[in-house]
Structure formats: C-alpha cells, structure tokens
Amino acid sequence: MEKINANDFRVTGAVSLQNLPTTTDIGAGEDEVVKKLAKTRQKLSSMQDVMYAHKKYNVLVCFQGMDTSGKDSLIREVFREFNPRGVEVQSFKTPTSTELEHDYLWRHYIKLPEKGKFGVFNRSHYENVLISRVHPEYVLHENIPGIESVDDIPKDFWKKRLKEIRNFESHLVNNGTIVMKFFLHISKEEQRERLLRRLDEEKHNWKFSPDDLKERDCWEAYQEFYEEAINETSVKNAPWFIIPADDKDTARLITAKIIRQEMKKYKDITEPELSEEIQERIAFYRKKLNEVK
C-alpha cells in the first residue's frame, strides 16, 4: 500500500474541482483497506482519550459533499471506535423557527464540541454559502434587514459571508479548536449509480427522495459554489481536504489517516500528570485501599 500523505489532499491554492480526480489508487485491495482503517481508527480513539484528559483542545471536523457522497457511512466507520463521551455528531437540516430567530452561524456555534471532545458536522455552516446560494430564496427566511426579495440580495453578499465564515473559524482556532474540513468529491456518474441503487435495492429505498433529482439538476451550480467556498476558506489553520470519494472504503481510510496525521502535529496534547502532593502519597493511598476489603 502506498503511503497516504495529508498534503496530497490539502487545498493550499486555487483548485478546479473538474480537474481533480474522484478516484485514486493507493495500491491496496479492499480487504487491506478495511484492515488499515480498523487500525487507524483505534489509534484515533486513543488520541481522543488523551485529548479528553488534557482538556485544552477540541476538534471540529466538517464534512461536505454532494448527495450520496458517503458522508453518513464515512462518519460511522471512521469514528466507530471512539468512546461515546468523546465524540458528538451533528447533522444540520433545514433551520428550525427558533434557529431562524438568530443569525445563520448561531445554530452551528451552539453545537461546537466541548474541550477534550471531537465534534463532527455532517453538513455544516458551509450550507449557508452552498444550498442557500443555489436557492437564494432561502435567505429570505432569515429576515435580514433590507432584504425583502431575492433581488435585494447584494452582489457582494456571498463574498461577505465567506469572509464571516473565515473569521468564525479563525476565532475557533484562536481559542483552542482544531479545525479540519473535508469535501467528499464524487463524479456525477457515480452519483447516478448510487441514486439508482437506492431505487433498485429495497433496503435502500427509504434513502431516496424526489428532491435528490431536483438537486442533481443543479450539479454545475453546486460545483461552482463548492469550488469558490473551498478556495476562499482553506487556510493553514482551518484547511480543506478534497477526498476522491467514488470508492467509499478508500475515502474512509484516507480521511482517517489525514485526521491522525493532523492530530500528531499537536505535541503538547499529553496526559496530565498527577500533582506532586498526590504522587508523594501514592504509597499511602495504596495502603489504605489494601486495608479495606
């Protein structure tokens, strides 16, 4: 198996999605990939245990991708070995009436992970510059002063939102959040195959919605807006990684490897040491425990 290097998938300059592959050969068969993933997620779980005890950092991992790109199953497989107390998965659907009473980032902010925990966003604050941009009428529900119709949305509206998102993530990083963002990059043909599978296989029928086809008609617009969002917001301390996702097993392994490599950069995440007072009295505590039956 070829070595997986996070830098091969990190966005460090302007990218064109149509020129990036949706498949990659890492020189391993399916069985080897599955075994490597199992080992990697165990190592990630151990890292999280140490981080939980350290309680200085939290981790925000965002997943974005077109419908059927495999976000749900990837999250399930990559984080399977985590202690449930150490990871929180949030999935953002249509905003509720309560959420719409606040600014668009509010519902994401209140779901951020606590110190010592991983937070996984299945879809994220980026929906506010993706689906809302493809369907700008959604912005009207936010009751923004001066915007009464789609025609009232200023030309620089989306640029400002992207800047606000950069600032939001910068604020998180400055306060101890490790931010990683993953775009699961699938081909339009692979999406077609997966949608057909939802129709053809009874156990997957429940996943299909006619809205999937409506959104598929907007493929080119989504690709354009994803590309702009990624290019505008991939920075050193809050990077985007573009993952070839036509093969689900490979995408899961690459993602897990990248998360581990990024976490290993934080050399200061260590298990806390016992205070000198407790260390000096360890023999006493051991004696007391052995005396009590």
Protein backbone atom coordinates (compact mmCIF):
# COMPACT_ATOMS: atom_id res chain seq x y z
CA MET A 1 0.00 0.00 0.00
CA GLU A 2 1.24 3.46 -0.88
CA LYS A 3 1.75 5.92 1.97
CA ILE A 4 -1.17 8.30 2.39
CA ASN A 5 0.06 11.86 2.85
CA ALA A 6 -2.36 14.53 4.05
CA ASN A 7 -0.59 17.17 1.97
CA ASP A 8 -1.59 15.37 -1.23
CA PHE A 9 -5.23 16.20 -0.47
CA ARG A 10 -4.86 19.55 1.31
CA VAL A 11 -6.03 22.67 -0.53
CA THR A 12 -3.20 25.21 -0.44
CA GLY A 13 -4.00 27.21 -3.56
CA ALA A 14 -6.76 27.73 -6.07
CA VAL A 15 -8.31 24.44 -7.20
CA SER A 16 -10.66 23.49 -10.01
CA LEU A 17 -12.94 20.64 -8.99
CA GLN A 18 -13.48 19.48 -12.55
CA ASN A 19 -9.74 18.91 -12.85
CA LEU A 20 -9.45 16.89 -9.64
CA PRO A 21 -9.91 13.10 -9.63
CA THR A 22 -12.82 11.40 -7.91
CA THR A 23 -10.88 8.13 -7.66
CA THR A 24 -7.38 7.30 -6.50
CA ASP A 25 -5.28 4.14 -6.40
CA ILE A 26 -3.48 3.65 -3.10
CA GLY A 27 -2.13 0.26 -4.12
CA ALA A 28 -4.28 -1.88 -1.84
CA GLY A 29 -7.17 -4.28 -2.19
CA GLU A 30 -10.47 -3.92 -0.37
CA ASP A 31 -9.54 -6.28 2.48
CA GLU A 32 -6.27 -4.46 3.18
CA VAL A 33 -8.01 -1.08 3.11
CA VAL A 34 -10.62 -2.26 5.62
CA LYS A 35 -7.92 -3.67 7.93
CA LYS A 36 -5.87 -0.46 7.74
CA LEU A 37 -8.95 1.59 8.56
CA ALA A 38 -9.64 -0.57 11.63
CA LYS A 39 -6.11 0.03 12.92
CA THR A 40 -6.19 3.74 12.17
CA ARG A 41 -9.50 4.38 13.90
CA GLN A 42 -8.22 2.57 17.01
CA LYS A 43 -5.21 4.90 17.05
CA LEU A 44 -7.53 7.88 16.61
CA SER A 45 -9.62 6.68 19.54
CA SER A 46 -6.51 6.50 21.73
CA MET A 47 -5.56 10.02 20.67
CA GLN A 48 -9.01 11.25 21.64
CA ASP A 49 -8.74 9.63 25.08
CA VAL A 50 -5.56 11.59 25.74
CA MET A 51 -7.14 14.78 24.43
CA TYR A 52 -10.14 14.23 26.71
CA ALA A 53 -7.86 14.04 29.73
CA HIS A 54 -5.79 17.02 28.52
CA LYS A 55 -8.88 19.25 28.06
CA LYS A 56 -7.10 22.10 26.28
CA TYR A 57 -8.22 21.46 22.70
CA ASN A 58 -11.37 20.41 20.95
CA VAL A 59 -11.63 19.23 17.35
CA LEU A 60 -14.17 20.25 14.72
CA VAL A 61 -14.33 18.01 11.67
CA CYS A 62 -16.68 19.21 8.91
CA PHE A 63 -17.92 17.00 6.08
CA GLN A 64 -19.44 18.38 2.92
CA GLY A 65 -20.28 16.74 -0.38
CA MET A 66 -22.97 16.26 -2.96
CA ASP A 67 -25.91 13.99 -2.15
CA THR A 68 -24.82 10.32 -1.98
CA SER A 69 -21.15 11.26 -1.48
CA GLY A 70 -21.00 8.93 1.53
CA LYS A 71 -20.86 11.33 4.48
CA ASP A 72 -23.05 9.28 6.82
CA SER A 73 -21.28 5.96 6.31
CA LEU A 74 -17.83 7.58 6.42
CA ILE A 75 -18.58 9.20 9.77
CA ARG A 76 -19.91 5.91 11.11
CA GLU A 77 -16.85 3.94 10.01
CA VAL A 78 -14.11 6.44 10.88
CA PHE A 79 -15.36 7.26 14.38
CA ARG A 80 -16.69 3.81 15.30
CA GLU A 81 -14.04 3.10 17.97
CA PHE A 82 -14.39 6.42 19.78
CA ASN A 83 -15.64 6.49 23.33
CA PRO A 84 -19.20 7.88 23.01
CA ARG A 85 -18.41 10.55 25.58
CA GLY A 86 -15.63 11.86 23.35
CA VAL A 87 -17.38 12.49 20.03
CA GLU A 88 -20.55 14.36 19.12
CA VAL A 89 -22.04 14.16 15.62
CA GLN A 90 -24.29 16.97 14.46
CA SER A 91 -26.37 16.90 11.29
CA PHE A 92 -27.76 20.20 10.05
CA LYS A 93 -31.07 20.08 8.22
CA THR A 94 -33.48 22.88 7.32
CA PRO A 95 -33.26 25.57 10.05
CA THR A 96 -36.00 25.49 12.65
CA SER A 97 -38.13 28.53 13.51
CA THR A 98 -36.04 29.03 16.65
CA GLU A 99 -32.79 28.87 14.69
CA LEU A 100 -34.11 31.41 12.20
CA GLU A 101 -34.62 33.86 15.08
CA HIS A 102 -30.82 34.10 15.26
CA ASP A 103 -28.02 34.82 12.80
CA TYR A 104 -27.09 31.99 10.43
CA LEU A 105 -24.00 30.92 12.38
CA TRP A 106 -25.75 30.67 15.74
CA ARG A 107 -27.07 27.12 15.37
CA HIS A 108 -23.61 25.92 14.42
CA TYR A 109 -21.88 27.76 17.25
CA ILE A 110 -24.07 26.22 19.96
CA LYS A 111 -23.26 22.72 18.64
CA LEU A 112 -19.50 23.11 18.87
CA PRO A 113 -17.72 20.40 20.89
CA GLU A 114 -16.53 20.92 24.44
CA LYS A 115 -12.85 20.96 25.34
CA GLY A 116 -11.45 17.46 25.03
CA LYS A 117 -14.05 16.29 22.52
CA PHE A 118 -14.39 15.76 18.78
CA GLY A 119 -17.30 17.46 17.08
CA VAL A 120 -18.34 16.12 13.69
CA PHE A 121 -20.53 18.28 11.48
CA ASN A 122 -22.39 16.26 8.85
CA ARG A 123 -23.02 19.23 6.61
CA SER A 124 -22.04 22.44 8.33
CA HIS A 125 -22.05 26.22 8.34
CA TYR A 126 -21.00 25.97 4.68
CA GLU A 127 -24.57 25.13 3.74
CA ASN A 128 -25.17 28.87 4.14
CA VAL A 129 -22.99 29.59 1.10
CA LEU A 130 -23.95 26.46 -0.85
CA ILE A 131 -27.59 25.41 -0.73
CA SER A 132 -28.61 28.96 0.17
CA ARG A 133 -26.70 30.22 -2.84
CA VAL A 134 -28.20 27.68 -5.22
CA HIS A 135 -31.61 28.52 -3.75
CA PRO A 136 -31.26 32.19 -2.70
CA GLU A 137 -34.93 32.34 -1.70
CA TYR A 138 -33.87 30.52 1.48
CA VAL A 139 -32.09 33.70 2.57
CA LEU A 140 -35.46 35.42 2.83
CA HIS A 141 -36.35 33.21 5.81
CA GLU A 142 -33.50 34.78 7.77
CA ASN A 143 -35.33 38.14 7.99
CA ILE A 144 -32.23 40.17 7.22
CA PRO A 145 -32.88 43.93 7.24
CA GLY A 146 -33.13 45.37 3.74
CA ILE A 147 -33.64 42.00 2.02
CA GLU A 148 -37.30 41.53 1.18
CA SER A 149 -36.81 39.65 -2.10
CA VAL A 150 -34.09 37.76 -3.93
CA ASP A 151 -33.44 40.86 -5.99
CA ASP A 152 -32.45 42.69 -2.79
CA ILE A 153 -29.51 40.37 -2.12
CA PRO A 154 -26.38 42.50 -2.74
CA LYS A 155 -23.81 41.34 -5.29
CA ASP A 156 -21.14 41.11 -2.55
CA PHE A 157 -23.44 39.19 -0.17
CA TRP A 158 -21.75 35.80 -0.64
CA LYS A 159 -18.21 37.20 -0.53
CA LYS A 160 -19.07 38.78 2.82
CA ARG A 161 -20.49 35.50 4.09
CA LEU A 162 -17.34 33.65 3.14
CA LYS A 163 -15.30 36.28 4.98
CA GLU A 164 -17.55 35.88 8.03
CA ILE A 165 -17.01 32.12 7.92
CA ARG A 166 -13.23 32.62 7.74
CA ASN A 167 -13.44 34.91 10.76
CA PHE A 168 -15.68 32.44 12.59
CA GLU A 169 -13.18 29.63 12.09
CA SER A 170 -10.25 31.89 12.98
CA HIS A 171 -11.98 32.70 16.26
CA LEU A 172 -12.42 28.98 16.98
CA VAL A 173 -8.77 28.21 16.21
CA ASN A 174 -7.58 31.07 18.41
CA ASN A 175 -9.50 29.55 21.30
CA GLY A 176 -8.21 26.00 21.01
CA THR A 177 -10.33 24.36 18.33
CA ILE A 178 -8.54 22.20 15.77
CA VAL A 179 -10.48 22.64 12.52
CA MET A 180 -10.45 20.22 9.58
CA LYS A 181 -12.83 20.32 6.61
CA PHE A 182 -13.39 17.52 4.12
CA PHE A 183 -15.08 17.68 0.74
CA LEU A 184 -16.07 14.22 -0.49
CA HIS A 185 -15.56 14.55 -4.22
CA ILE A 186 -17.67 12.18 -6.33
CA SER A 187 -18.37 12.13 -10.03
CA LYS A 188 -21.79 12.86 -11.45
CA GLU A 189 -21.87 9.34 -12.92
CA GLU A 190 -21.12 7.79 -9.53
CA GLN A 191 -23.94 9.80 -8.00
CA ARG A 192 -26.28 8.48 -10.70
CA GLU A 193 -25.26 4.90 -9.85
CA ARG A 194 -25.84 5.45 -6.15
CA LEU A 195 -29.24 7.02 -6.71
CA LEU A 196 -30.23 4.08 -8.92
CA ARG A 197 -29.10 1.72 -6.17
CA ARG A 198 -31.47 3.47 -3.79
CA LEU A 199 -34.30 2.69 -6.19
CA ASP A 200 -33.21 -0.83 -7.12
CA GLU A 201 -32.35 -2.18 -3.68
CA GLU A 202 -35.33 -2.38 -1.35
CA LYS A 203 -33.28 -1.90 1.82
CA HIS A 204 -32.08 1.45 0.45
CA ASN A 205 -35.44 2.70 -0.84
CA TRP A 206 -36.01 4.84 2.23
CA LYS A 207 -32.97 6.96 1.34
CA PHE A 208 -34.43 8.12 -1.96
CA SER A 209 -36.29 11.41 -2.32
CA PRO A 210 -37.53 13.11 -5.49
CA ASP A 211 -35.67 16.17 -4.22
CA ASP A 212 -32.44 14.26 -4.93
CA LEU A 213 -33.18 14.61 -8.64
CA LYS A 214 -34.02 18.30 -8.32
CA GLU A 215 -30.70 18.94 -6.61
CA ARG A 216 -28.90 16.82 -9.20
CA ASP A 217 -30.18 19.20 -11.86
CA CYS A 218 -28.19 21.90 -10.05
CA TRP A 219 -24.93 19.90 -10.19
CA GLU A 220 -22.93 22.52 -12.10
CA ALA A 221 -24.04 25.34 -9.79
CA TYR A 222 -23.09 23.35 -6.71
CA GLN A 223 -19.68 22.52 -8.17
CA GLU A 224 -19.07 26.20 -8.88
CA PHE A 225 -20.07 27.32 -5.40
CA TYR A 226 -18.22 24.50 -3.64
CA GLU A 227 -15.12 25.45 -5.57
CA GLU A 228 -15.38 29.10 -4.60
CA ALA A 229 -16.10 28.29 -0.94
CA ILE A 230 -13.15 25.93 -0.72
CA ASN A 231 -10.76 28.34 -2.43
CA GLU A 232 -11.88 31.24 -0.24
CA THR A 233 -11.74 29.45 3.12
CA SER A 234 -8.91 26.90 3.00
CA VAL A 235 -6.26 28.43 5.24
CA LYS A 236 -3.34 26.97 7.17
CA ASN A 237 -5.15 26.54 10.47
CA ALA A 238 -8.53 25.59 9.00
CA PRO A 239 -7.69 23.62 5.87
CA TRP A 240 -9.89 21.88 3.34
CA PHE A 241 -9.04 18.39 2.16
CA ILE A 242 -10.56 17.14 -1.09
CA ILE A 243 -11.11 13.40 -0.89
CA PRO A 244 -11.69 11.29 -4.03
CA ALA A 245 -14.89 9.56 -2.93
CA ASP A 246 -16.10 7.32 -5.76
CA ASP A 247 -14.70 4.39 -3.75
CA LYS A 248 -16.13 4.58 -0.23
CA ASP A 249 -13.62 2.33 1.53
CA THR A 250 -10.65 4.24 0.17
CA ALA A 251 -12.24 7.59 1.04
CA ARG A 252 -12.76 6.46 4.63
CA LEU A 253 -9.18 5.31 5.04
CA ILE A 254 -7.72 8.48 3.51
CA THR A 255 -9.87 10.63 5.78
CA ALA A 256 -8.93 8.71 8.91
CA LYS A 257 -5.24 8.87 8.01
CA ILE A 258 -5.41 12.62 7.44
CA ILE A 259 -7.13 13.26 10.77
CA ARG A 260 -4.48 11.23 12.57
CA GLN A 261 -1.62 12.99 10.79
CA GLU A 262 -3.09 16.39 11.62
CA MET A 263 -3.59 15.47 15.27
CA LYS A 264 0.00 14.22 15.60
CA LYS A 265 1.18 17.78 14.94
CA TYR A 266 -0.03 18.83 18.39
CA LYS A 267 2.88 17.64 20.51
CA ASP A 268 1.53 19.42 23.59
CA ILE A 269 -1.52 17.14 23.83
CA THR A 270 -0.41 14.80 26.60
CA GLU A 271 -1.98 13.04 29.55
CA PRO A 272 -1.96 15.30 32.62
CA GLU A 273 0.48 14.40 35.38
CA LEU A 274 -0.58 13.83 38.97
CA SER A 275 0.14 16.67 41.33
CA GLU A 276 3.24 16.37 43.48
CA GLU A 277 1.06 16.06 46.56
CA ILE A 278 -0.78 13.01 45.18
CA GLN A 279 2.42 11.44 43.85
CA GLU A 280 4.01 11.74 47.27
CA ARG A 281 1.03 9.99 48.88
CA ILE A 282 0.58 7.15 46.36
CA ALA A 283 2.03 4.63 48.79
CA PHE A 284 -0.36 5.83 51.46
CA TYR A 285 -3.39 5.58 49.16
CA ARG A 286 -2.37 2.09 48.05
CA LYS A 287 -2.03 1.01 51.68
CA LYS A 288 -5.47 2.38 52.55
CA LEU A 289 -7.07 0.56 49.62
CA ASN A 290 -5.41 -2.71 50.55
CA GLU A 291 -6.58 -2.36 54.14
CA VAL A 292 -10.26 -2.03 53.17
CA LYS A 293 -11.86 -5.25 51.91
